[in-house]
Amino acid sequence: MGMPAAEIETLIRAALPGAQVTMRDLAGDNDHWAAHVVWAGFAGKSRVAQHKAVYAALDGRMGGALHALQLTTAVPS
């Protein structure tokens, strides 16, 4: 199983229009990823709320099709 980076990026960008998404493969197995998401919509939101927005974008795939996602978020500078 697993999800290709492009699929993860597409889901995040669809839910967070204009987001910049950088993916890094942590294990070479399409199942363990790190994502850095920069989005203006994160402004004023807590880090927890930012992460919840990204996980919501994955529409239930976290823990199923996608095993692990190390996540960092930021507001554009």
PDB file of N, CA and C in Angstrom:
ATOM      1  N   MET A   1       0.843  -1.164   0.000  1.00  0.00           N
ATOM      2  CA  MET A   1       0.000   0.000   0.000  1.00  0.00           C
ATOM      3  C   MET A   1       0.889   1.227   0.000  1.00  0.00           C
ATOM      4  N   GLY A   2       0.359   2.344   0.368  1.00  0.00           N
ATOM      5  CA  GLY A   2       1.098   3.589   0.369  1.00  0.00           C
ATOM      6  C   GLY A   2       0.485   4.579  -0.591  1.00  0.00           C
ATOM      7  N   MET A   3       0.984   5.781  -0.522  1.00  0.00           N
ATOM      8  CA  MET A   3       0.490   6.842  -1.401  1.00  0.00           C
ATOM      9  C   MET A   3       1.679   7.567  -2.009  1.00  0.00           C
ATOM     10  N   PRO A   4       1.642   7.793  -3.302  1.00  0.00           N
ATOM     11  CA  PRO A   4       2.707   8.587  -3.908  1.00  0.00           C
ATOM     12  C   PRO A   4       2.634  10.047  -3.449  1.00  0.00           C
ATOM     13  N   ALA A   5       3.759  10.693  -3.401  1.00  0.00           N
ATOM     14  CA  ALA A   5       3.829  12.092  -2.962  1.00  0.00           C
ATOM     15  C   ALA A   5       2.890  12.974  -3.769  1.00  0.00           C
ATOM     16  N   ALA A   6       2.803  12.744  -5.056  1.00  0.00           N
ATOM     17  CA  ALA A   6       1.966  13.595  -5.912  1.00  0.00           C
ATOM     18  C   ALA A   6       0.497  13.519  -5.491  1.00  0.00           C
ATOM     19  N   GLU A   7       0.053  12.359  -5.084  1.00  0.00           N
ATOM     20  CA  GLU A   7      -1.342  12.207  -4.644  1.00  0.00           C
ATOM     21  C   GLU A   7      -1.582  12.964  -3.334  1.00  0.00           C
ATOM     22  N   ILE A   8      -0.644  12.877  -2.425  1.00  0.00           N
ATOM     23  CA  ILE A   8      -0.758  13.604  -1.160  1.00  0.00           C
ATOM     24  C   ILE A   8      -0.777  15.106  -1.433  1.00  0.00           C
ATOM     25  N   GLU A   9       0.136  15.563  -2.265  1.00  0.00           N
ATOM     26  CA  GLU A   9       0.200  16.988  -2.603  1.00  0.00           C
ATOM     27  C   GLU A   9      -1.102  17.456  -3.240  1.00  0.00           C
ATOM     28  N   THR A  10      -1.649  16.658  -4.128  1.00  0.00           N
ATOM     29  CA  THR A  10      -2.895  17.034  -4.815  1.00  0.00           C
ATOM     30  C   THR A  10      -4.034  17.192  -3.822  1.00  0.00           C
ATOM     31  N   LEU A  11      -4.147  16.270  -2.878  1.00  0.00           N
ATOM     32  CA  LEU A  11      -5.209  16.356  -1.874  1.00  0.00           C
ATOM     33  C   LEU A  11      -5.060  17.605  -1.019  1.00  0.00           C
ATOM     34  N   ILE A  12      -3.834  17.878  -0.596  1.00  0.00           N
ATOM     35  CA  ILE A  12      -3.608  19.051   0.261  1.00  0.00           C
ATOM     36  C   ILE A  12      -3.890  20.337  -0.513  1.00  0.00           C
ATOM     37  N   ARG A  13      -3.393  20.419  -1.734  1.00  0.00           N
ATOM     38  CA  ARG A  13      -3.606  21.641  -2.522  1.00  0.00           C
ATOM     39  C   ARG A  13      -5.073  21.847  -2.883  1.00  0.00           C
ATOM     40  N   ALA A  14      -5.808  20.776  -3.057  1.00  0.00           N
ATOM     41  CA  ALA A  14      -7.244  20.897  -3.368  1.00  0.00           C
ATOM     42  C   ALA A  14      -8.003  21.463  -2.170  1.00  0.00           C
ATOM     43  N   ALA A  15      -7.612  21.058  -0.966  1.00  0.00           N
ATOM     44  CA  ALA A  15      -8.310  21.511   0.242  1.00  0.00           C
ATOM     45  C   ALA A  15      -7.790  22.863   0.739  1.00  0.00           C
ATOM     46  N   LEU A  16      -6.527  23.154   0.445  1.00  0.00           N
ATOM     47  CA  LEU A  16      -5.900  24.397   0.904  1.00  0.00           C
ATOM     48  C   LEU A  16      -5.372  25.145  -0.316  1.00  0.00           C
ATOM     49  N   PRO A  17      -6.266  25.789  -1.059  1.00  0.00           N
ATOM     50  CA  PRO A  17      -5.861  26.442  -2.318  1.00  0.00           C
ATOM     51  C   PRO A  17      -4.714  27.437  -2.119  1.00  0.00           C
ATOM     52  N   GLY A  18      -3.724  27.308  -2.973  1.00  0.00           N
ATOM     53  CA  GLY A  18      -2.570  28.199  -2.917  1.00  0.00           C
ATOM     54  C   GLY A  18      -1.474  27.715  -1.984  1.00  0.00           C
ATOM     55  N   ALA A  19      -1.688  26.583  -1.320  1.00  0.00           N
ATOM     56  CA  ALA A  19      -0.676  26.061  -0.400  1.00  0.00           C
ATOM     57  C   ALA A  19       0.576  25.623  -1.167  1.00  0.00           C
ATOM     58  N   GLN A  20       1.716  25.859  -0.529  1.00  0.00           N
ATOM     59  CA  GLN A  20       2.980  25.332  -1.043  1.00  0.00           C
ATOM     60  C   GLN A  20       3.268  24.059  -0.257  1.00  0.00           C
ATOM     61  N   VAL A  21       3.459  22.961  -0.965  1.00  0.00           N
ATOM     62  CA  VAL A  21       3.651  21.668  -0.313  1.00  0.00           C
ATOM     63  C   VAL A  21       4.976  21.075  -0.774  1.00  0.00           C
ATOM     64  N   THR A  22       5.812  20.741   0.197  1.00  0.00           N
ATOM     65  CA  THR A  22       7.080  20.085  -0.094  1.00  0.00           C
ATOM     66  C   THR A  22       7.065  18.718   0.579  1.00  0.00           C
ATOM     67  N   MET A  23       7.283  17.686  -0.197  1.00  0.00           N
ATOM     68  CA  MET A  23       7.246  16.317   0.312  1.00  0.00           C
ATOM     69  C   MET A  23       8.663  15.754   0.387  1.00  0.00           C
ATOM     70  N   ARG A  24       8.896  14.937   1.421  1.00  0.00           N
ATOM     71  CA  ARG A  24      10.182  14.240   1.553  1.00  0.00           C
ATOM     72  C   ARG A  24       9.888  12.796   1.936  1.00  0.00           C
ATOM     73  N   ASP A  25      10.475  11.893   1.182  1.00  0.00           N
ATOM     74  CA  ASP A  25      10.300  10.468   1.423  1.00  0.00           C
ATOM     75  C   ASP A  25      11.211  10.049   2.579  1.00  0.00           C
ATOM     76  N   LEU A  26      10.631   9.518   3.645  1.00  0.00           N
ATOM     77  CA  LEU A  26      11.424   9.177   4.821  1.00  0.00           C
ATOM     78  C   LEU A  26      11.984   7.767   4.797  1.00  0.00           C
ATOM     79  N   ALA A  27      11.364   6.867   4.044  1.00  0.00           N
ATOM     80  CA  ALA A  27      11.797   5.466   4.105  1.00  0.00           C
ATOM     81  C   ALA A  27      11.878   4.786   2.739  1.00  0.00           C
ATOM     82  N   GLY A  28      11.497   5.479   1.680  1.00  0.00           N
ATOM     83  CA  GLY A  28      11.569   4.888   0.348  1.00  0.00           C
ATOM     84  C   GLY A  28      10.505   3.836   0.086  1.00  0.00           C
ATOM     85  N   ASP A  29       9.427   3.888   0.866  1.00  0.00           N
ATOM     86  CA  ASP A  29       8.404   2.858   0.708  1.00  0.00           C
ATOM     87  C   ASP A  29       7.026   3.401   0.324  1.00  0.00           C
ATOM     88  N   ASN A  30       6.933   4.697  -0.020  1.00  0.00           N
ATOM     89  CA  ASN A  30       5.653   5.332  -0.351  1.00  0.00           C
ATOM     90  C   ASN A  30       4.662   5.289   0.820  1.00  0.00           C
ATOM     91  N   ASP A  31       5.153   5.077   1.996  1.00  0.00           N
ATOM     92  CA  ASP A  31       4.275   4.912   3.149  1.00  0.00           C
ATOM     93  C   ASP A  31       4.680   5.786   4.336  1.00  0.00           C
ATOM     94  N   HIS A  32       5.863   6.359   4.289  1.00  0.00           N
ATOM     95  CA  HIS A  32       6.361   7.211   5.375  1.00  0.00           C
ATOM     96  C   HIS A  32       6.875   8.511   4.751  1.00  0.00           C
ATOM     97  N   TRP A  33       6.117   9.590   4.977  1.00  0.00           N
ATOM     98  CA  TRP A  33       6.426  10.860   4.332  1.00  0.00           C
ATOM     99  C   TRP A  33       6.580  11.967   5.361  1.00  0.00           C
ATOM    100  N   ALA A  34       7.295  12.988   4.954  1.00  0.00           N
ATOM    101  CA  ALA A  34       7.312  14.253   5.669  1.00  0.00           C
ATOM    102  C   ALA A  34       6.754  15.292   4.707  1.00  0.00           C
ATOM    103  N   ALA A  35       5.883  16.144   5.229  1.00  0.00           N
ATOM    104  CA  ALA A  35       5.308  17.212   4.403  1.00  0.00           C
ATOM    105  C   ALA A  35       5.515  18.537   5.116  1.00  0.00           C
ATOM    106  N   HIS A  36       5.942  19.530   4.363  1.00  0.00           N
ATOM    107  CA  HIS A  36       6.021  20.902   4.863  1.00  0.00           C
ATOM    108  C   HIS A  36       4.999  21.690   4.063  1.00  0.00           C
ATOM    109  N   VAL A  37       4.020  22.246   4.750  1.00  0.00           N
ATOM    110  CA  VAL A  37       2.912  22.940   4.094  1.00  0.00           C
ATOM    111  C   VAL A  37       2.919  24.399   4.528  1.00  0.00           C
ATOM    112  N   VAL A  38       3.000  25.288   3.563  1.00  0.00           N
ATOM    113  CA  VAL A  38       2.964  26.727   3.807  1.00  0.00           C
ATOM    114  C   VAL A  38       1.692  27.253   3.160  1.00  0.00           C
ATOM    115  N   TRP A  39       0.858  27.915   3.980  1.00  0.00           N
ATOM    116  CA  TRP A  39      -0.438  28.366   3.467  1.00  0.00           C
ATOM    117  C   TRP A  39      -0.884  29.621   4.203  1.00  0.00           C
ATOM    118  N   ALA A  40      -1.306  30.620   3.482  1.00  0.00           N
ATOM    119  CA  ALA A  40      -1.766  31.867   4.084  1.00  0.00           C
ATOM    120  C   ALA A  40      -2.974  31.647   4.988  1.00  0.00           C
ATOM    121  N   GLY A  41      -3.771  30.648   4.698  1.00  0.00           N
ATOM    122  CA  GLY A  41      -4.955  30.359   5.501  1.00  0.00           C
ATOM    123  C   GLY A  41      -4.642  29.892   6.919  1.00  0.00           C
ATOM    124  N   PHE A  42      -3.395  29.566   7.188  1.00  0.00           N
ATOM    125  CA  PHE A  42      -2.997  29.175   8.540  1.00  0.00           C
ATOM    126  C   PHE A  42      -2.863  30.385   9.472  1.00  0.00           C
ATOM    127  N   ALA A  43      -2.831  31.576   8.920  1.00  0.00           N
ATOM    128  CA  ALA A  43      -2.620  32.784   9.744  1.00  0.00           C
ATOM    129  C   ALA A  43      -3.653  32.850  10.865  1.00  0.00           C
ATOM    130  N   GLY A  44      -3.177  33.090  12.070  1.00  0.00           N
ATOM    131  CA  GLY A  44      -4.044  33.231  13.219  1.00  0.00           C
ATOM    132  C   GLY A  44      -4.527  31.919  13.822  1.00  0.00           C
ATOM    133  N   LYS A  45      -4.162  30.799  13.208  1.00  0.00           N
ATOM    134  CA  LYS A  45      -4.588  29.493  13.714  1.00  0.00           C
ATOM    135  C   LYS A  45      -3.468  28.852  14.527  1.00  0.00           C
ATOM    136  N   SER A  46      -3.845  28.099  15.544  1.00  0.00           N
ATOM    137  CA  SER A  46      -2.853  27.392  16.349  1.00  0.00           C
ATOM    138  C   SER A  46      -2.178  26.316  15.499  1.00  0.00           C
ATOM    139  N   ARG A  47      -1.032  25.848  15.985  1.00  0.00           N
ATOM    140  CA  ARG A  47      -0.324  24.777  15.265  1.00  0.00           C
ATOM    141  C   ARG A  47      -1.217  23.532  15.166  1.00  0.00           C
ATOM    142  N   VAL A  48      -1.961  23.253  16.214  1.00  0.00           N
ATOM    143  CA  VAL A  48      -2.862  22.095  16.202  1.00  0.00           C
ATOM    144  C   VAL A  48      -3.930  22.277  15.121  1.00  0.00           C
ATOM    145  N   ALA A  49      -4.513  23.452  15.046  1.00  0.00           N
ATOM    146  CA  ALA A  49      -5.538  23.717  14.026  1.00  0.00           C
ATOM    147  C   ALA A  49      -4.949  23.613  12.617  1.00  0.00           C
ATOM    148  N   GLN A  50      -3.712  24.063  12.456  1.00  0.00           N
ATOM    149  CA  GLN A  50      -3.054  23.964  11.153  1.00  0.00           C
ATOM    150  C   GLN A  50      -2.886  22.498  10.756  1.00  0.00           C
ATOM    151  N   HIS A  51      -2.442  21.700  11.693  1.00  0.00           N
ATOM    152  CA  HIS A  51      -2.220  20.278  11.398  1.00  0.00           C
ATOM    153  C   HIS A  51      -3.547  19.567  11.140  1.00  0.00           C
ATOM    154  N   LYS A  52      -4.582  19.935  11.900  1.00  0.00           N
ATOM    155  CA  LYS A  52      -5.895  19.335  11.664  1.00  0.00           C
ATOM    156  C   LYS A  52      -6.396  19.651  10.258  1.00  0.00           C
ATOM    157  N   ALA A  53      -6.137  20.856   9.777  1.00  0.00           N
ATOM    158  CA  ALA A  53      -6.567  21.240   8.427  1.00  0.00           C
ATOM    159  C   ALA A  53      -5.892  20.374   7.374  1.00  0.00           C
ATOM    160  N   VAL A  54      -4.616  20.102   7.587  1.00  0.00           N
ATOM    161  CA  VAL A  54      -3.890  19.256   6.614  1.00  0.00           C
ATOM    162  C   VAL A  54      -4.395  17.813   6.694  1.00  0.00           C
ATOM    163  N   TYR A  55      -4.555  17.304   7.904  1.00  0.00           N
ATOM    164  CA  TYR A  55      -5.042  15.925   8.024  1.00  0.00           C
ATOM    165  C   TYR A  55      -6.451  15.794   7.465  1.00  0.00           C
ATOM    166  N   ALA A  56      -7.288  16.817   7.633  1.00  0.00           N
ATOM    167  CA  ALA A  56      -8.636  16.779   7.055  1.00  0.00           C
ATOM    168  C   ALA A  56      -8.566  16.723   5.536  1.00  0.00           C
ATOM    169  N   ALA A  57      -7.565  17.390   4.967  1.00  0.00           N
ATOM    170  CA  ALA A  57      -7.401  17.380   3.516  1.00  0.00           C
ATOM    171  C   ALA A  57      -7.141  15.974   2.983  1.00  0.00           C
ATOM    172  N   LEU A  58      -6.596  15.124   3.837  1.00  0.00           N
ATOM    173  CA  LEU A  58      -6.271  13.758   3.404  1.00  0.00           C
ATOM    174  C   LEU A  58      -7.496  12.860   3.415  1.00  0.00           C
ATOM    175  N   ASP A  59      -8.615  13.399   3.876  1.00  0.00           N
ATOM    176  CA  ASP A  59      -9.915  12.751   3.743  1.00  0.00           C
ATOM    177  C   ASP A  59      -9.929  11.291   4.225  1.00  0.00           C
ATOM    178  N   GLY A  60      -9.398  11.072   5.414  1.00  0.00           N
ATOM    179  CA  GLY A  60      -9.473   9.743   6.014  1.00  0.00           C
ATOM    180  C   GLY A  60      -8.410   8.758   5.570  1.00  0.00           C
ATOM    181  N   ARG A  61      -7.496   9.181   4.718  1.00  0.00           N
ATOM    182  CA  ARG A  61      -6.460   8.247   4.228  1.00  0.00           C
ATOM    183  C   ARG A  61      -5.340   8.024   5.256  1.00  0.00           C
ATOM    184  N   MET A  62      -5.233   8.964   6.214  1.00  0.00           N
ATOM    185  CA  MET A  62      -4.196   8.826   7.239  1.00  0.00           C
ATOM    186  C   MET A  62      -4.490   7.594   8.091  1.00  0.00           C
ATOM    187  N   GLY A  63      -3.511   6.742   8.259  1.00  0.00           N
ATOM    188  CA  GLY A  63      -3.700   5.516   9.022  1.00  0.00           C
ATOM    189  C   GLY A  63      -4.238   4.375   8.185  1.00  0.00           C
ATOM    190  N   GLY A  64      -4.599   4.658   6.945  1.00  0.00           N
ATOM    191  CA  GLY A  64      -5.064   3.628   6.025  1.00  0.00           C
ATOM    192  C   GLY A  64      -4.101   3.541   4.856  1.00  0.00           C
ATOM    193  N   ALA A  65      -4.450   4.230   3.796  1.00  0.00           N
ATOM    194  CA  ALA A  65      -3.581   4.238   2.612  1.00  0.00           C
ATOM    195  C   ALA A  65      -2.230   4.884   2.919  1.00  0.00           C
ATOM    196  N   LEU A  66      -2.242   5.829   3.850  1.00  0.00           N
ATOM    197  CA  LEU A  66      -1.008   6.524   4.235  1.00  0.00           C
ATOM    198  C   LEU A  66      -0.687   6.165   5.676  1.00  0.00           C
ATOM    199  N   HIS A  67       0.434   5.541   5.900  1.00  0.00           N
ATOM    200  CA  HIS A  67       0.785   5.055   7.228  1.00  0.00           C
ATOM    201  C   HIS A  67       1.311   6.162   8.139  1.00  0.00           C
ATOM    202  N   ALA A  68       2.220   6.990   7.628  1.00  0.00           N
ATOM    203  CA  ALA A  68       2.854   7.991   8.484  1.00  0.00           C
ATOM    204  C   ALA A  68       3.141   9.263   7.707  1.00  0.00           C
ATOM    205  N   LEU A  69       2.813  10.397   8.329  1.00  0.00           N
ATOM    206  CA  LEU A  69       3.098  11.696   7.730  1.00  0.00           C
ATOM    207  C   LEU A  69       3.651  12.607   8.812  1.00  0.00           C
ATOM    208  N   GLN A  70       4.934  12.897   8.710  1.00  0.00           N
ATOM    209  CA  GLN A  70       5.567  13.880   9.604  1.00  0.00           C
ATOM    210  C   GLN A  70       5.219  15.242   9.034  1.00  0.00           C
ATOM    211  N   LEU A  71       4.619  16.099   9.839  1.00  0.00           N
ATOM    212  CA  LEU A  71       4.042  17.327   9.302  1.00  0.00           C
ATOM    213  C   LEU A  71       4.620  18.561   9.962  1.00  0.00           C
ATOM    214  N   THR A  72       4.989  19.524   9.139  1.00  0.00           N
ATOM    215  CA  THR A  72       5.318  20.864   9.618  1.00  0.00           C
ATOM    216  C   THR A  72       4.491  21.844   8.804  1.00  0.00           C
ATOM    217  N   THR A  73       4.041  22.897   9.464  1.00  0.00           N
ATOM    218  CA  THR A  73       3.217  23.894   8.785  1.00  0.00           C
ATOM    219  C   THR A  73       3.770  25.283   9.080  1.00  0.00           C
ATOM    220  N   ALA A  74       3.440  26.204   8.194  1.00  0.00           N
ATOM    221  CA  ALA A  74       3.894  27.584   8.371  1.00  0.00           C
ATOM    222  C   ALA A  74       3.009  28.526   7.572  1.00  0.00           C
ATOM    223  N   VAL A  75       3.047  29.770   7.988  1.00  0.00           N
ATOM    224  CA  VAL A  75       2.385  30.848   7.257  1.00  0.00           C
ATOM    225  C   VAL A  75       3.446  31.486   6.365  1.00  0.00           C
ATOM    226  N   PRO A  76       3.096  31.866   5.143  1.00  0.00           N
ATOM    227  CA  PRO A  76       4.107  32.513   4.284  1.00  0.00           C
ATOM    228  C   PRO A  76       4.691  33.751   4.968  1.00  0.00           C
ATOM    229  N   SER A  77       5.977  33.955   4.790  1.00  0.00           N
ATOM    230  CA  SER A  77       6.622  35.127   5.404  1.00  0.00           C
ATOM    231  C   SER A  77       6.606  36.316   4.474  1.00  0.00           C
TER     232      SER A  77
END
